[in-house]
Structures are given as structure tokens and as C-alpha cells.
Amino acid sequence: MAFHDLSKLSKDLLHDVKDMEFVRTVIFAHLEPPKQNAVIVKGARGIGKSTVIKQYLSEKQKSGYKVLYFSADSSYLDSRLVDLAMEYNDRGGEYLAIDEIHRYTGDWQRELKTIIDSFPRLKLIVSGSSALKLDYAKADLSRRHLLIKAKGISFREYLKLNLGFDLKVFSITELLKDAEEICHVIRKIFADQKLDLLQSFHDYLRSGYFLTRNNYTIESIYFDSLVNTINSVIDSDIPYIHHDVDPVARDKIKTLLKHIAIKCPFTPNISEVAQNLGLSNDNTLKKYLFYLHEAEILLNLYPSNKSHKDFPKPQKIFLNNTNFAFAFSSEPNIGTLRETYVANCLYGLGELTAPTHGDFCLDNIIFEVGGKSKSARQIKDIQYSYVLADNILGVNRNIIPLWLLGFLW
């Protein structure tokens, strides 16, 4: 009975996305599982993980493949994942997608390994919270999965979604090396359409990071939804993954977030914040900060070569994205928005730290962030250094437009 109900629900859900024009191609292009491997997509709520997986399965279905999609916390799921996979395999199934895997009450890692090993014909796609942990010691998935760490909508994707512009993705190396040429091409597209590039960028900073934005006609309701989502992640996703987070800890984490959200970005005084929150020791606070970072509510910069096992003190704490800044404050500081945007864009490209000179260090490259009049004076003696300036359209030597980082994905 469960399989029949899940199969019917899957057909309905895939039907809902078949006519959607916008596709997150940066995720879509990597969803085909390698032989005897699973694709695991991690990312924050609201960025479109479920939607793009359903779009992918819908395309496979059109091509004649048998597909099945369901959520691991579905009330229709009344058996183990491996038992359902066995029945689906026996029925000739080919693509199996399991959403919200972190909400599965059983040992999902061990069962995924069993599915991969036992049913080689099945192509397995799994999605879960950005805080999802893979315990390779517990079940050897290390050589049996392709991990996709998905971010929210980039500025490039925002332009595709809202203006229909189909623009190219560039690596950080390409952006820095060919900044002038890339800027010229993009500026011409906007000029030809008589559109304001900088206004589009500032609209994106305000409310363009999550795919769910289009669900709300009123912007204030969208911001309320972001706060509700954050609370849901703290109440539900984090405790699913970190069993030491009980109701008391959840309240402490929410209080912590309220305490620091309007201060971000900042360098924390761990002892002072812990004392203000009534936490028994500094390590508990550092642990909570790391949980919020892992869940993509905060974005913390940590010292280089530090293991997260012992919960090191963050060098600097940011909100994860600029939309969160507007959700917590009606008028966030412009400098805060710029630095939050840069941290979000650069995070995951290499080792990102807070240097002594400049605002960010990505591996060996220093970035200074500022407004239109920002000069390179503070970093003039540093060989690999750039200024990321807001409210400019073109490139002046090593001063490049802030919006250009929006083409990294």
C-alpha cells in the first residue's frame, strides 16, 4: 500500500514542475549519479533543492525512464528505505530520489550503502539539510557518493529568473583575470535592454537569494517567512542531526542568534557573549555558533588549518546571506550587506579567512570591500589584492565591481 501511495504522490509532484521555465542548471547538470554511487545534494531550505530534483526526474520520465520521488519524512513511508528500494527495483525502477534524508528515523547512511550495493541498476539521488553530516566510519559512503553543496540563487541566476538573461558562469580565476571584458559584455546587455544593472543588483541583495521569494507578492511576508524558516531549522533540522540540542539548547541558540544578528559582521568576545546568555562554558557557545554556521544561518570565518572537532573561536561572524540581514533589520548597514555578500560568494572556493590587512583572504588573494570611492591604498603593497567596490560598473586596474562575484555560480 505504501509503495502505491508514494508512487501516486510522486507523479503528482513531478507534474507540478514539468512546465517550470527556470531551472537551477548549476545543480541540474550534476544530478546524474555515477555507476553504483549516489548523488547527495546539501543546502539550506528554500534554495530549490527539491524543485530541481523533481525537474530532473520529470525530464528523465519524459525520456521513458521509471522514476520515483518521495520525502524521507512522508507519512506514507511505513517501511525501511532499503525495503522500499527493493520493491521499486523489483518493479523495474530506475531513478530513485529521496528528499529530506536527515529526517529519516532509521540509519539512513547504512541503508543508502545497502541500496547502492544491492541494487546497482537504481540511480539514487538524495537531498538533505545543509547541516547534514556524513559519518564515514559508521557506513562507508566515502567512495559511493557525489556530494553537491548547493548555495542559494546567485545574481547570475536571479537575472535569468527575473529578466531571462542567460549568462555564463565564471571561475574566480576567470573573473579576476578577465574582469574588464566580462563587465563590458554584461553592461552592454543591460544597456541594450535599457535596464539598470546596479538597481537589479541591489534588488537581488534585498530579496533575491531564495527561490521561495516568488511565492510571496508582499516582500515583508517573504522576510517573515525567512525568520520562520530559521526558527524551523533550529527547532527541527539541527536537533535531528545534533542530538545534544534539546529544547533548552534550542531556546539558547535562538537567543544567541537574536543577540548577534543585528551585530553581524563582528568579531565575537566568546566569554562575554557566553556570560550574557547564561551558558556554562565558552565551548558550548562555540559549539552553537558552529551549528548555526553548519546550518547556513550564520557564515563564520575560522582561523586557517583549524579542525572543527574542538569548535574553534570564529575570527568573524556573518549572517549567511544578505536576505537574512533584511529579515532581521528593515535598514541593515550598507557595509554589512557588502561584506555579507562577499563572504557568501567566496565561501567554499578555498580557504577563506579574515586577514590582518584587507577584509577577506581567499587562499593567497586579499580582498578589500567598499563603496564607489573605495581606493586600493590599504592593500597597495600586497601583490595579489583587489578592491570589490559597490555602485561601479567598470574595472579600474585592481578595483572591480562588487556585483561581478554574482557570476561565480
Protein backbone atom coordinates (compact mmCIF):
# COMPACT_ATOMS: atom_id res chain seq x y z
CA MET A 1 0.00 0.00 0.00
CA ALA A 2 2.82 2.43 0.90
CA PHE A 3 4.52 1.99 -2.47
CA HIS A 4 1.29 2.63 -4.37
CA ASP A 5 0.61 5.82 -2.37
CA LEU A 6 4.19 7.08 -2.73
CA SER A 7 4.14 6.35 -6.46
CA LYS A 8 0.91 8.31 -6.95
CA LEU A 9 2.23 11.22 -4.87
CA SER A 10 5.46 11.19 -6.86
CA LYS A 11 3.55 11.51 -10.16
CA ASP A 12 1.56 14.46 -8.82
CA LEU A 13 4.66 16.25 -7.53
CA LEU A 14 6.57 15.77 -10.79
CA HIS A 15 3.58 17.01 -12.76
CA ASP A 16 3.68 20.27 -10.78
CA VAL A 17 7.18 21.16 -12.06
CA LYS A 18 7.07 19.96 -15.66
CA ASP A 19 6.18 23.38 -17.09
CA MET A 20 8.51 25.48 -14.92
CA GLU A 21 10.80 27.54 -17.14
CA PHE A 22 13.53 28.39 -14.63
CA VAL A 23 15.95 25.58 -13.84
CA ARG A 24 18.94 25.78 -11.50
CA THR A 25 21.30 24.37 -14.10
CA VAL A 26 24.33 24.62 -11.76
CA ILE A 27 22.69 21.82 -9.73
CA PHE A 28 20.70 20.11 -12.50
CA ALA A 29 23.83 19.43 -14.57
CA HIS A 30 25.38 17.32 -11.80
CA LEU A 31 22.41 15.18 -10.73
CA GLU A 32 23.16 12.09 -12.84
CA PRO A 33 24.54 9.52 -10.38
CA PRO A 34 27.78 7.76 -11.39
CA LYS A 35 27.61 3.97 -11.58
CA GLN A 36 26.96 2.41 -8.15
CA ASN A 37 27.06 5.82 -6.49
CA ALA A 38 24.52 8.20 -5.03
CA VAL A 39 24.28 11.94 -5.60
CA ILE A 40 23.75 13.77 -2.30
CA VAL A 41 22.57 17.39 -2.51
CA LYS A 42 23.10 19.51 0.63
CA GLY A 43 21.78 23.01 1.05
CA ALA A 44 19.64 25.44 3.01
CA ARG A 45 15.86 25.38 2.97
CA GLY A 46 14.26 27.43 0.22
CA ILE A 47 17.10 27.37 -2.34
CA GLY A 48 15.28 24.97 -4.68
CA LYS A 49 16.88 21.56 -3.95
CA SER A 50 13.58 19.67 -4.09
CA THR A 51 12.38 21.61 -7.13
CA VAL A 52 15.47 20.94 -9.25
CA ILE A 53 15.50 17.24 -8.34
CA LYS A 54 11.85 16.95 -9.37
CA GLN A 55 12.61 18.82 -12.60
CA TYR A 56 15.44 16.39 -13.30
CA LEU A 57 13.22 13.36 -12.70
CA SER A 58 10.48 14.89 -14.82
CA GLU A 59 12.92 15.16 -17.74
CA LYS A 60 14.01 11.54 -17.21
CA GLN A 61 10.37 10.46 -17.15
CA LYS A 62 9.76 12.23 -20.47
CA SER A 63 12.66 10.21 -21.90
CA GLY A 64 10.98 6.96 -20.88
CA TYR A 65 12.72 6.19 -17.58
CA LYS A 66 10.90 4.94 -14.50
CA VAL A 67 11.30 7.41 -11.66
CA LEU A 68 10.17 7.71 -8.04
CA TYR A 69 10.40 10.74 -5.73
CA PHE A 70 9.41 10.96 -2.08
CA SER A 71 10.38 12.67 1.17
CA ALA A 72 12.02 10.64 3.93
CA ASP A 73 9.55 12.05 6.46
CA SER A 74 6.45 11.23 4.37
CA SER A 75 3.56 9.76 6.35
CA TYR A 76 3.16 7.24 3.51
CA LEU A 77 6.60 5.77 4.23
CA ASP A 78 5.86 2.84 6.53
CA SER A 79 8.89 0.66 5.80
CA ARG A 80 12.66 0.91 5.72
CA LEU A 81 14.22 2.73 2.79
CA VAL A 82 16.03 -0.42 1.74
CA ASP A 83 12.75 -2.43 1.68
CA LEU A 84 11.06 0.21 -0.45
CA ALA A 85 14.06 0.29 -2.78
CA MET A 86 13.88 -3.49 -3.13
CA GLU A 87 10.22 -3.34 -4.15
CA TYR A 88 10.89 -0.47 -6.54
CA ASN A 89 13.82 -2.37 -8.06
CA ASP A 90 11.64 -5.46 -8.50
CA ARG A 91 9.09 -3.32 -10.34
CA GLY A 92 11.76 -2.19 -12.80
CA GLY A 93 12.50 1.18 -11.21
CA GLU A 94 15.46 3.20 -12.48
CA TYR A 95 15.73 6.60 -10.75
CA LEU A 96 15.03 6.88 -7.03
CA ALA A 97 15.10 10.29 -5.29
CA ILE A 98 14.77 10.64 -1.51
CA ASP A 99 14.25 14.17 -0.19
CA GLU A 100 14.87 15.41 3.38
CA ILE A 101 17.06 12.40 4.17
CA HIS A 102 18.16 13.91 7.51
CA ARG A 103 14.57 13.46 8.76
CA TYR A 104 14.62 9.69 8.27
CA THR A 105 14.28 7.99 11.65
CA GLY A 106 16.43 4.98 10.74
CA ASP A 107 20.12 4.64 9.92
CA TRP A 108 19.98 6.37 6.55
CA GLN A 109 23.71 6.13 5.76
CA ARG A 110 23.84 2.38 6.27
CA GLU A 111 20.64 1.88 4.26
CA LEU A 112 21.91 4.03 1.38
CA LYS A 113 25.06 1.92 1.23
CA THR A 114 22.95 -1.25 1.17
CA ILE A 115 20.76 0.16 -1.63
CA ILE A 116 23.80 1.14 -3.71
CA ASP A 117 25.48 -2.25 -3.20
CA SER A 118 22.35 -4.41 -3.61
CA PHE A 119 20.55 -2.69 -6.49
CA PRO A 120 23.20 -1.47 -8.96
CA ARG A 121 20.57 -0.62 -11.58
CA LEU A 122 18.97 2.03 -9.36
CA LYS A 123 20.24 5.58 -9.78
CA LEU A 124 19.97 7.19 -6.37
CA ILE A 125 19.58 10.94 -5.68
CA VAL A 126 19.31 12.18 -2.10
CA SER A 127 18.87 15.65 -0.61
CA GLY A 128 19.16 16.98 2.91
CA SER A 129 19.81 19.91 5.19
CA SER A 130 22.98 21.95 4.82
CA ALA A 131 23.85 20.66 8.31
CA LEU A 132 23.73 17.06 7.07
CA LYS A 133 26.66 15.02 8.36
CA LEU A 134 28.28 12.04 6.69
CA ASP A 135 29.87 9.65 9.16
CA TYR A 136 32.26 7.66 7.02
CA ALA A 137 33.35 5.50 9.93
CA LYS A 138 29.78 4.37 10.51
CA ALA A 139 28.87 3.40 6.94
CA ASP A 140 31.43 3.56 4.17
CA LEU A 141 29.79 6.03 1.81
CA SER A 142 33.08 7.84 1.16
CA ARG A 143 33.60 6.23 -2.26
CA ARG A 144 29.93 5.77 -3.03
CA HIS A 145 28.58 9.27 -3.39
CA LEU A 146 28.97 12.55 -5.23
CA LEU A 147 28.30 15.48 -2.88
CA ILE A 148 26.76 18.70 -4.22
CA LYS A 149 26.89 21.64 -1.77
CA ALA A 150 24.24 23.95 -3.14
CA LYS A 151 24.04 27.66 -2.34
CA GLY A 152 21.10 29.98 -2.82
CA ILE A 153 20.33 31.82 -6.05
CA SER A 154 23.33 33.71 -7.45
CA PHE A 155 23.00 37.17 -9.00
CA ARG A 156 23.50 35.50 -12.39
CA GLU A 157 20.62 33.08 -11.70
CA TYR A 158 18.49 35.95 -10.38
CA LEU A 159 18.90 37.71 -13.73
CA LYS A 160 17.91 34.53 -15.56
CA LEU A 161 14.84 34.05 -13.33
CA ASN A 162 13.60 37.64 -13.45
CA LEU A 163 14.91 39.09 -16.72
CA GLY A 164 15.51 36.00 -18.85
CA PHE A 165 19.24 36.75 -19.29
CA ASP A 166 21.18 33.55 -19.96
CA LEU A 167 24.68 34.48 -18.79
CA LYS A 168 27.80 32.41 -18.30
CA VAL A 169 29.31 31.10 -15.04
CA PHE A 170 32.95 32.07 -14.40
CA SER A 171 35.56 30.73 -12.01
CA ILE A 172 37.15 33.17 -9.57
CA THR A 173 40.37 32.99 -11.64
CA GLU A 174 38.47 33.92 -14.82
CA LEU A 175 36.60 36.74 -13.09
CA LEU A 176 39.77 38.36 -11.77
CA LYS A 177 41.79 37.83 -14.95
CA ASP A 178 39.09 38.89 -17.46
CA ALA A 179 37.05 41.26 -15.29
CA GLU A 180 37.14 44.16 -17.75
CA GLU A 181 35.96 42.09 -20.72
CA ILE A 182 33.24 40.30 -18.70
CA CYS A 183 31.94 43.60 -17.30
CA HIS A 184 31.79 45.09 -20.80
CA VAL A 185 29.66 42.21 -22.12
CA ILE A 186 27.21 42.30 -19.20
CA ARG A 187 26.93 46.10 -19.20
CA LYS A 188 26.12 46.04 -22.93
CA ILE A 189 23.29 43.56 -22.38
CA PHE A 190 21.74 45.85 -19.78
CA ALA A 191 22.30 48.96 -21.91
CA ASP A 192 20.68 47.33 -24.96
CA GLN A 193 17.61 46.50 -22.86
CA LYS A 194 17.65 49.97 -21.22
CA LEU A 195 17.82 48.35 -17.77
CA ASP A 196 19.68 49.44 -14.64
CA LEU A 197 22.31 46.85 -13.67
CA LEU A 198 23.08 48.37 -10.28
CA GLN A 199 19.40 48.59 -9.33
CA SER A 200 18.96 44.92 -10.26
CA PHE A 201 21.95 44.05 -8.08
CA HIS A 202 20.62 45.94 -5.06
CA ASP A 203 17.19 44.33 -5.54
CA TYR A 204 18.96 40.97 -5.51
CA LEU A 205 20.81 41.79 -2.28
CA ARG A 206 17.49 42.66 -0.70
CA SER A 207 15.35 39.67 -1.66
CA GLY A 208 16.86 37.53 -4.41
CA TYR A 209 18.78 34.74 -2.69
CA PHE A 210 15.98 32.21 -2.14
CA LEU A 211 13.82 30.62 -4.82
CA THR A 212 10.87 30.90 -2.43
CA ARG A 213 10.80 34.69 -2.99
CA ASN A 214 8.39 34.22 -5.89
CA ASN A 215 5.89 32.56 -3.55
CA TYR A 216 5.18 35.94 -1.93
CA THR A 217 3.73 39.04 -3.58
CA ILE A 218 4.41 41.12 -0.46
CA GLU A 219 8.09 41.48 0.44
CA SER A 220 7.53 41.81 4.20
CA ILE A 221 5.79 38.42 4.22
CA TYR A 222 8.81 36.94 2.45
CA PHE A 223 11.09 38.31 5.19
CA ASP A 224 8.74 36.88 7.85
CA SER A 225 8.97 33.52 6.08
CA LEU A 226 12.78 33.64 6.31
CA VAL A 227 12.64 34.17 10.08
CA ASN A 228 10.13 31.30 10.35
CA THR A 229 12.43 29.10 8.27
CA ILE A 230 15.40 29.92 10.51
CA ASN A 231 13.36 29.02 13.59
CA SER A 232 12.28 25.75 11.93
CA VAL A 233 15.89 24.86 11.19
CA ILE A 234 16.81 25.47 14.84
CA ASP A 235 13.75 23.62 16.15
CA SER A 236 13.86 20.70 13.73
CA ASP A 237 16.86 20.26 11.41
CA ILE A 238 19.66 20.92 13.91
CA PRO A 239 18.21 18.60 16.62
CA TYR A 240 17.71 15.84 14.01
CA ILE A 241 21.46 15.96 13.33
CA HIS A 242 22.85 17.02 16.72
CA HIS A 243 21.11 15.05 19.44
CA ASP A 244 22.63 17.19 22.20
CA VAL A 245 20.35 20.05 21.13
CA ASP A 246 17.38 19.67 23.48
CA PRO A 247 14.53 22.22 23.97
CA VAL A 248 16.64 24.26 26.42
CA ALA A 249 19.55 24.36 23.95
CA ARG A 250 17.19 25.38 21.14
CA ASP A 251 16.00 28.36 23.15
CA LYS A 252 19.62 29.31 23.92
CA ILE A 253 20.52 29.12 20.22
CA LYS A 254 17.57 31.34 19.26
CA THR A 255 18.52 33.85 21.94
CA LEU A 256 22.11 33.76 20.71
CA LEU A 257 21.01 34.44 17.14
CA LYS A 258 18.84 37.40 18.20
CA HIS A 259 21.76 38.74 20.20
CA ILE A 260 24.24 38.66 17.32
CA ALA A 261 22.08 39.04 14.16
CA ILE A 262 21.99 42.84 14.31
CA LYS A 263 25.72 43.00 15.12
CA CYS A 264 26.95 40.90 12.19
CA PRO A 265 29.58 41.01 10.89
CA PHE A 266 31.62 41.15 14.07
CA THR A 267 34.47 39.51 15.95
CA PRO A 268 32.97 37.82 19.00
CA ASN A 269 34.11 38.12 22.60
CA ILE A 270 33.25 34.49 23.40
CA SER A 271 33.41 34.77 27.20
CA GLU A 272 31.27 37.91 27.27
CA VAL A 273 28.58 36.50 24.96
CA ALA A 274 28.53 33.18 26.85
CA GLN A 275 28.09 35.03 30.14
CA ASN A 276 25.27 37.19 28.73
CA LEU A 277 23.43 34.06 27.59
CA GLY A 278 23.99 32.24 30.86
CA LEU A 279 25.98 29.45 29.20
CA SER A 280 28.09 27.30 31.49
CA ASN A 281 31.27 27.46 29.38
CA ASP A 282 32.79 29.06 26.31
CA ASN A 283 32.92 25.78 24.39
CA THR A 284 29.13 25.47 24.47
CA LEU A 285 28.83 28.87 22.79
CA LYS A 286 31.45 27.98 20.17
CA LYS A 287 29.56 24.75 19.50
CA TYR A 288 26.27 26.61 18.99
CA LEU A 289 27.96 29.09 16.65
CA PHE A 290 29.33 26.19 14.63
CA TYR A 291 25.89 24.53 14.46
CA LEU A 292 24.40 27.78 13.10
CA HIS A 293 27.27 28.02 10.59
CA GLU A 294 26.76 24.41 9.52
CA ALA A 295 23.03 25.03 9.04
CA GLU A 296 23.81 28.08 6.84
CA ILE A 297 22.14 30.55 9.15
CA LEU A 298 25.49 32.12 10.00
CA LEU A 299 28.69 32.17 8.00
CA ASN A 300 31.73 32.04 10.28
CA LEU A 301 35.32 32.60 9.25
CA TYR A 302 37.69 30.33 11.16
CA PRO A 303 41.48 30.51 11.51
CA SER A 304 43.38 28.58 8.85
CA ASN A 305 44.17 24.90 9.39
CA LYS A 306 41.85 24.63 12.40
CA SER A 307 39.86 21.44 12.95
CA HIS A 308 36.16 21.96 13.67
CA LYS A 309 36.30 18.99 16.06
CA ASP A 310 37.14 21.21 19.01
CA PHE A 311 34.87 24.09 17.93
CA PRO A 312 37.44 26.87 17.45
CA LYS A 313 36.57 30.51 18.02
CA PRO A 314 35.41 32.22 14.80
CA GLN A 315 37.57 35.07 13.55
CA LYS A 316 34.49 36.85 12.27
CA ILE A 317 30.75 36.09 12.18
CA PHE A 318 28.37 37.00 9.35
CA LEU A 319 24.76 36.21 8.60
CA ASN A 320 24.79 33.63 5.81
CA ASN A 321 23.29 35.90 3.15
CA THR A 322 22.04 39.46 2.62
CA ASN A 323 18.35 38.47 2.58
CA PHE A 324 18.70 37.39 6.21
CA ALA A 325 20.08 40.85 7.01
CA PHE A 326 16.85 42.43 5.70
CA ALA A 327 14.76 39.83 7.54
CA PHE A 328 16.34 40.88 10.86
CA SER A 329 16.51 44.63 10.17
CA SER A 330 14.46 46.94 7.95
CA GLU A 331 17.55 49.04 7.20
CA PRO A 332 20.74 46.98 7.53
CA ASN A 333 24.05 48.81 7.31
CA ILE A 334 25.29 49.02 3.70
CA GLY A 335 28.81 47.99 4.73
CA THR A 336 27.32 44.93 6.44
CA LEU A 337 25.45 43.98 3.27
CA ARG A 338 28.55 44.29 1.10
CA GLU A 339 30.73 42.15 3.36
CA THR A 340 27.97 39.55 3.88
CA TYR A 341 27.53 39.26 0.12
CA VAL A 342 31.27 38.81 -0.47
CA ALA A 343 31.59 36.22 2.32
CA ASN A 344 28.71 34.23 0.81
CA CYS A 345 30.13 34.40 -2.72
CA LEU A 346 33.69 33.42 -1.78
CA TYR A 347 32.92 30.78 0.84
CA GLY A 348 33.65 27.27 -0.43
CA LEU A 349 36.09 28.35 -3.17
CA GLY A 350 39.13 27.72 -0.98
CA GLU A 351 40.34 28.66 2.48
CA LEU A 352 38.53 31.87 3.39
CA THR A 353 39.86 33.78 6.40
CA ALA A 354 39.88 37.28 7.93
CA PRO A 355 43.36 38.75 7.26
CA THR A 356 45.25 41.45 9.16
CA HIS A 357 45.17 43.72 6.10
CA GLY A 358 42.04 43.72 3.96
CA ASP A 359 38.61 42.22 4.64
CA PHE A 360 38.98 38.70 3.22
CA CYS A 361 41.76 36.33 2.25
CA LEU A 362 40.88 33.57 -0.20
CA ASP A 363 43.90 31.28 -0.22
CA ASN A 364 46.59 33.86 -1.09
CA ILE A 365 44.31 36.56 -2.56
CA ILE A 366 43.34 39.59 -0.46
CA PHE A 367 40.03 41.41 -0.98
CA GLU A 368 39.05 44.82 0.38
CA VAL A 369 35.33 45.67 0.23
CA GLY A 370 33.79 49.13 -0.01
CA GLY A 371 31.71 51.69 -1.86
CA LYS A 372 32.19 53.63 -5.07
CA SER A 373 35.02 55.78 -3.72
CA LYS A 374 36.96 52.90 -2.14
CA SER A 375 40.63 53.05 -3.09
CA ALA A 376 43.30 50.35 -3.08
CA ARG A 377 45.52 52.35 -0.70
CA GLN A 378 45.15 49.91 2.24
CA ILE A 379 46.29 46.93 0.16
CA LYS A 380 48.65 48.67 -2.28
CA ASP A 381 51.71 46.75 -1.04
CA ILE A 382 50.05 43.32 -1.28
CA GLN A 383 50.82 41.52 -4.53
CA TYR A 384 47.60 39.56 -5.06
CA SER A 385 44.94 42.01 -3.91
CA TYR A 386 41.68 43.50 -5.20
CA VAL A 387 39.09 46.03 -4.17
CA LEU A 388 35.47 44.93 -4.58
CA ALA A 389 33.59 48.20 -4.96
CA ASP A 390 29.84 48.74 -4.87
CA ASN A 391 28.00 51.14 -7.22
CA ILE A 392 30.52 50.94 -10.05
CA LEU A 393 30.01 49.38 -13.48
CA GLY A 394 33.54 49.05 -14.82
CA VAL A 395 37.05 47.99 -13.83
CA ASN A 396 39.88 50.32 -12.80
CA ARG A 397 43.10 48.31 -12.50
CA ASN A 398 42.57 46.09 -9.43
CA ILE A 399 39.26 47.74 -8.45
CA ILE A 400 36.41 45.61 -9.74
CA PRO A 401 32.61 45.79 -9.33
CA LEU A 402 31.10 44.03 -6.35
CA TRP A 403 28.27 42.60 -8.46
CA LEU A 404 30.73 40.63 -10.59
CA LEU A 405 31.08 37.97 -7.87
CA GLY A 406 27.46 37.08 -8.62
CA PHE A 407 28.65 35.15 -11.68
CA LEU A 408 30.61 32.51 -9.75
CA TRP A 409 27.67 30.06 -9.94
